[in-house]
Amino acid sequence: GGGGGPFPCCVFDPNTTSWFASWTRLDRQTTQEQWRKRRDADPFLVTSFAAGSLGWITTVPGVTCLAACLGSAHRSVAGVMPAAIKAAAILSLVEFTSQIGAAQTSAWISDWPALAVKETHPDSAAEGAVQALEISYLLTTSQTLWLYSADRLLLASTLLAAAFATFTSSSHVKTMASTRHAALGVFLSVLCVIGFVFDVLRFVSWAVAGIGLAVMNLLIEMIFLPIWLLWLPRGVRRI
């Protein structure tokens, strides 16, 4: 999910560091350094977004199959599952293409003379250009902050719908489908909501958001979601 882009996240409270203070004062050297870091990080960000998009897309068939097994044709709650996961996949593709555009623009802007000047007078045009550029960039990229964080909510909706459909199915289906798998989905959906909260609260505290996002990404994308997905085919075959 969203959790990246132009916003710096520090492990320690950045409000007590000279870097954060100089960045919020729009210090020219700090801003130039920030743009250099953005440019250097762009290839890694684009690669991570591409992998994320691929992951969302490959998840769609399994979830759609599970929804069909749980009666998506005549149960609205089961029908939520494929709709939500497809929406998340589409959103991830939009985020990926947007990141490519941002990376290209960052690389281009980084070569502008105003960002290459080493020393400027406080009242010079280059000084004001750098400050205006930073503000404009942050405002523009912040417009999609909540939108690109919504994939976690869509995943949570998918998992909750799957769990509810499992727990409320007939006794035969409930026996075939794993209620423990459904319970794992409920737990994972809670983590997704917490991850969304950390994602959108980064402006309240960089430190809390940075640590929280790192932990949530580890728990969701590296541990529990892979377990849920690997467990999924076994339950579908039994149903």
Protein backbone atom coordinates (compact mmCIF):
# COMPACT_ATOMS: atom_id res chain seq x y z
CA GLY A 1 0.00 0.00 0.00
CA GLY A 2 0.76 3.47 0.02
CA GLY A 3 3.56 4.17 2.37
CA GLY A 4 6.24 5.94 0.40
CA GLY A 5 6.63 8.71 -2.10
CA PRO A 6 8.12 12.06 -1.27
CA PHE A 7 7.64 12.05 2.49
CA PRO A 8 10.63 11.35 4.73
CA CYS A 9 10.10 9.01 7.66
CA CYS A 10 12.63 9.07 10.44
CA VAL A 11 13.10 6.34 13.04
CA PHE A 12 13.66 8.87 15.79
CA ASP A 13 11.39 11.82 16.37
CA PRO A 14 12.30 14.19 13.54
CA ASN A 15 10.77 17.16 15.33
CA THR A 16 13.85 17.17 17.57
CA THR A 17 16.40 16.92 14.75
CA SER A 18 18.12 19.75 12.95
CA TRP A 19 17.29 18.09 9.61
CA PHE A 20 13.54 18.28 10.16
CA ALA A 21 13.78 21.84 11.42
CA SER A 22 15.79 22.96 8.39
CA TRP A 23 13.46 21.07 6.02
CA THR A 24 10.33 22.75 7.42
CA ARG A 25 12.13 26.11 7.16
CA LEU A 26 12.64 25.28 3.45
CA ASP A 27 16.38 25.56 3.75
CA ARG A 28 17.83 25.46 0.23
CA GLN A 29 20.61 22.97 0.89
CA THR A 30 18.28 20.64 2.75
CA THR A 31 15.71 20.85 -0.04
CA GLN A 32 18.33 20.14 -2.69
CA GLU A 33 19.52 17.14 -0.70
CA GLN A 34 15.95 15.91 -0.35
CA TRP A 35 15.45 16.09 -4.12
CA ARG A 36 18.67 14.18 -4.67
CA LYS A 37 17.48 11.44 -2.29
CA ARG A 38 14.12 11.29 -4.07
CA ARG A 39 15.87 10.83 -7.39
CA ASP A 40 18.14 8.10 -6.02
CA ALA A 41 15.20 6.28 -4.45
CA ASP A 42 12.94 6.41 -7.51
CA PRO A 43 14.15 3.14 -9.12
CA PHE A 44 13.58 1.24 -5.88
CA LEU A 45 10.15 2.79 -5.38
CA VAL A 46 9.06 2.00 -8.93
CA THR A 47 10.27 -1.58 -8.54
CA SER A 48 8.42 -2.01 -5.25
CA PHE A 49 5.20 -0.59 -6.70
CA ALA A 50 5.53 -2.89 -9.73
CA ALA A 51 5.94 -5.91 -7.45
CA GLY A 52 2.98 -4.76 -5.36
CA SER A 53 0.77 -4.40 -8.43
CA LEU A 54 1.76 -7.86 -9.63
CA GLY A 55 0.96 -9.27 -6.20
CA TRP A 56 -2.51 -7.72 -6.16
CA ILE A 57 -3.28 -8.97 -9.66
CA THR A 58 -2.19 -12.55 -8.91
CA THR A 59 -4.39 -12.53 -5.78
CA VAL A 60 -7.58 -11.84 -7.74
CA PRO A 61 -8.15 -15.37 -9.19
CA GLY A 62 -7.82 -17.14 -5.84
CA VAL A 63 -10.15 -14.74 -4.04
CA THR A 64 -12.67 -14.91 -6.88
CA CYS A 65 -12.61 -18.70 -6.71
CA LEU A 66 -13.13 -18.64 -2.94
CA ALA A 67 -16.06 -16.25 -3.37
CA ALA A 68 -17.66 -18.61 -5.90
CA CYS A 69 -17.23 -21.54 -3.53
CA LEU A 70 -18.86 -19.55 -0.73
CA GLY A 71 -21.84 -18.67 -2.92
CA SER A 72 -21.09 -15.30 -4.48
CA ALA A 73 -23.83 -15.98 -7.06
CA HIS A 74 -26.59 -15.81 -4.43
CA ARG A 75 -24.92 -14.28 -1.38
CA SER A 76 -24.15 -10.57 -1.49
CA VAL A 77 -21.52 -10.76 1.23
CA ALA A 78 -19.51 -13.26 -0.81
CA GLY A 79 -19.90 -11.01 -3.84
CA VAL A 80 -18.06 -8.24 -1.96
CA MET A 81 -14.84 -10.25 -2.04
CA PRO A 82 -14.05 -10.20 -5.79
CA ALA A 83 -15.27 -6.62 -6.13
CA ALA A 84 -13.02 -5.36 -3.33
CA ILE A 85 -9.91 -7.26 -4.41
CA LYS A 86 -10.35 -6.18 -8.04
CA ALA A 87 -10.71 -2.56 -6.91
CA ALA A 88 -7.49 -2.90 -4.89
CA ALA A 89 -5.68 -4.35 -7.91
CA ILE A 90 -6.86 -1.50 -10.13
CA LEU A 91 -5.83 1.03 -7.48
CA SER A 92 -2.37 -0.52 -7.26
CA LEU A 93 -1.97 -0.19 -11.04
CA VAL A 94 -2.98 3.47 -10.86
CA GLU A 95 -0.50 4.00 -8.03
CA PHE A 96 2.24 2.25 -10.01
CA THR A 97 1.72 4.36 -13.13
CA SER A 98 1.53 7.52 -11.02
CA GLN A 99 4.82 6.63 -9.38
CA ILE A 100 6.45 6.20 -12.78
CA GLY A 101 5.27 9.68 -13.74
CA ALA A 102 6.51 11.12 -10.46
CA ALA A 103 9.90 9.45 -10.92
CA GLN A 104 10.32 10.86 -14.41
CA THR A 105 9.29 14.33 -13.27
CA SER A 106 11.63 14.19 -10.27
CA ALA A 107 14.56 13.24 -12.46
CA TRP A 108 13.78 16.08 -14.84
CA ILE A 109 13.27 18.70 -12.15
CA SER A 110 16.43 17.65 -10.33
CA ASP A 111 18.44 18.94 -13.29
CA TRP A 112 16.88 22.41 -13.19
CA PRO A 113 19.40 25.21 -12.58
CA ALA A 114 17.59 26.34 -9.43
CA LEU A 115 18.28 22.97 -7.83
CA ALA A 116 21.87 22.87 -9.04
CA VAL A 117 22.95 26.24 -7.62
CA LYS A 118 25.27 25.70 -4.65
CA GLU A 119 25.13 29.14 -3.09
CA THR A 120 22.36 31.70 -3.46
CA HIS A 121 21.37 34.97 -1.85
CA PRO A 122 18.28 34.65 0.43
CA ASP A 123 16.39 37.04 -1.85
CA SER A 124 17.50 35.49 -5.14
CA ALA A 125 15.09 33.97 -7.66
CA ALA A 126 16.72 30.55 -7.29
CA GLU A 127 16.08 30.56 -3.54
CA GLY A 128 12.39 31.31 -4.00
CA ALA A 129 12.08 28.81 -6.84
CA VAL A 130 13.40 25.96 -4.70
CA GLN A 131 11.00 26.80 -1.88
CA ALA A 132 8.01 27.11 -4.19
CA LEU A 133 8.91 23.86 -5.91
CA GLU A 134 9.07 21.95 -2.62
CA ILE A 135 5.70 23.26 -1.42
CA SER A 136 4.04 22.56 -4.76
CA TYR A 137 5.49 19.05 -4.92
CA LEU A 138 4.31 18.14 -1.43
CA LEU A 139 0.82 19.53 -1.97
CA THR A 140 0.45 17.71 -5.28
CA THR A 141 1.65 14.35 -4.02
CA SER A 142 -0.39 14.66 -0.81
CA GLN A 143 -3.63 14.79 -2.77
CA THR A 144 -3.52 11.04 -3.32
CA LEU A 145 -2.26 10.07 0.14
CA TRP A 146 -5.59 8.71 1.37
CA LEU A 147 -6.51 7.28 -2.02
CA TYR A 148 -3.41 5.11 -2.33
CA SER A 149 -3.67 4.04 1.31
CA ALA A 150 -7.19 2.69 0.69
CA ASP A 151 -5.87 -0.60 -0.69
CA ARG A 152 -5.44 -1.77 2.89
CA LEU A 153 -9.10 -1.03 3.60
CA LEU A 154 -10.11 -2.89 0.45
CA LEU A 155 -8.04 -5.89 1.55
CA ALA A 156 -9.62 -5.71 5.00
CA SER A 157 -13.08 -5.68 3.38
CA THR A 158 -12.17 -8.75 1.32
CA LEU A 159 -10.90 -10.67 4.35
CA LEU A 160 -13.86 -9.74 6.55
CA ALA A 161 -16.34 -10.67 3.84
CA ALA A 162 -14.60 -14.03 3.39
CA ALA A 163 -14.65 -14.67 7.12
CA PHE A 164 -18.30 -13.70 7.49
CA ALA A 165 -19.29 -15.83 4.49
CA THR A 166 -17.42 -18.77 5.97
CA PHE A 167 -18.84 -18.48 9.47
CA THR A 168 -22.42 -18.05 8.18
CA SER A 169 -22.28 -20.82 5.56
CA SER A 170 -24.11 -24.10 5.82
CA SER A 171 -22.69 -26.67 8.20
CA HIS A 172 -21.35 -28.70 5.26
CA VAL A 173 -19.49 -25.76 3.73
CA LYS A 174 -18.32 -24.60 7.13
CA THR A 175 -16.87 -28.06 7.74
CA MET A 176 -15.04 -28.05 4.40
CA ALA A 177 -13.87 -24.45 4.68
CA SER A 178 -11.36 -23.73 7.41
CA THR A 179 -12.75 -21.54 10.17
CA ARG A 180 -9.19 -21.05 11.35
CA HIS A 181 -8.34 -19.63 7.95
CA ALA A 182 -11.31 -17.28 8.32
CA ALA A 183 -10.15 -16.29 11.81
CA LEU A 184 -6.71 -15.50 10.40
CA GLY A 185 -8.44 -13.27 7.85
CA VAL A 186 -10.18 -11.35 10.64
CA PHE A 187 -6.88 -10.83 12.44
CA LEU A 188 -5.22 -9.74 9.22
CA SER A 189 -8.03 -7.28 8.48
CA VAL A 190 -7.43 -5.64 11.86
CA LEU A 191 -3.76 -5.24 10.99
CA CYS A 192 -4.77 -3.69 7.65
CA VAL A 193 -6.91 -1.07 9.38
CA ILE A 194 -4.08 -0.26 11.79
CA GLY A 195 -1.69 0.04 8.85
CA PHE A 196 -4.08 2.43 7.12
CA VAL A 197 -4.23 4.60 10.25
CA PHE A 198 -0.43 4.77 10.45
CA ASP A 199 -0.28 5.61 6.76
CA VAL A 200 -2.57 8.63 6.95
CA LEU A 201 -1.26 9.91 10.30
CA ARG A 202 2.30 10.48 9.10
CA PHE A 203 1.84 14.25 9.33
CA VAL A 204 0.93 13.96 13.02
CA SER A 205 4.20 12.24 13.91
CA TRP A 206 6.82 11.14 11.42
CA ALA A 207 8.43 8.89 14.01
CA VAL A 208 5.29 6.99 15.03
CA ALA A 209 4.14 6.65 11.42
CA GLY A 210 7.55 5.46 10.23
CA ILE A 211 7.90 2.79 12.91
CA GLY A 212 4.24 1.76 12.69
CA LEU A 213 4.31 1.41 8.91
CA ALA A 214 7.49 -0.65 9.01
CA VAL A 215 5.99 -3.03 11.57
CA MET A 216 2.65 -3.29 9.75
CA ASN A 217 4.33 -3.91 6.38
CA LEU A 218 6.37 -6.69 7.95
CA LEU A 219 3.38 -8.34 9.65
CA ILE A 220 0.95 -7.99 6.75
CA GLU A 221 2.99 -8.36 3.57
CA MET A 222 5.82 -10.57 4.78
CA ILE A 223 4.12 -12.89 7.29
CA PHE A 224 0.33 -13.14 7.63
CA LEU A 225 -0.92 -12.30 4.12
CA PRO A 226 1.41 -14.88 2.49
CA ILE A 227 0.22 -17.46 5.03
CA TRP A 228 -3.42 -16.62 4.24
CA LEU A 229 -2.80 -16.88 0.49
CA LEU A 230 -0.86 -20.14 0.73
CA TRP A 231 -3.61 -21.59 2.92
CA LEU A 232 -6.34 -20.47 0.48
CA PRO A 233 -5.98 -23.19 -2.23
CA ARG A 234 -6.30 -25.96 0.34
CA GLY A 235 -9.64 -24.63 1.57
CA VAL A 236 -10.94 -24.02 -1.95
CA ARG A 237 -10.13 -27.59 -3.02
CA ARG A 238 -11.94 -29.01 0.01
CA ILE A 239 -15.07 -26.97 -0.67
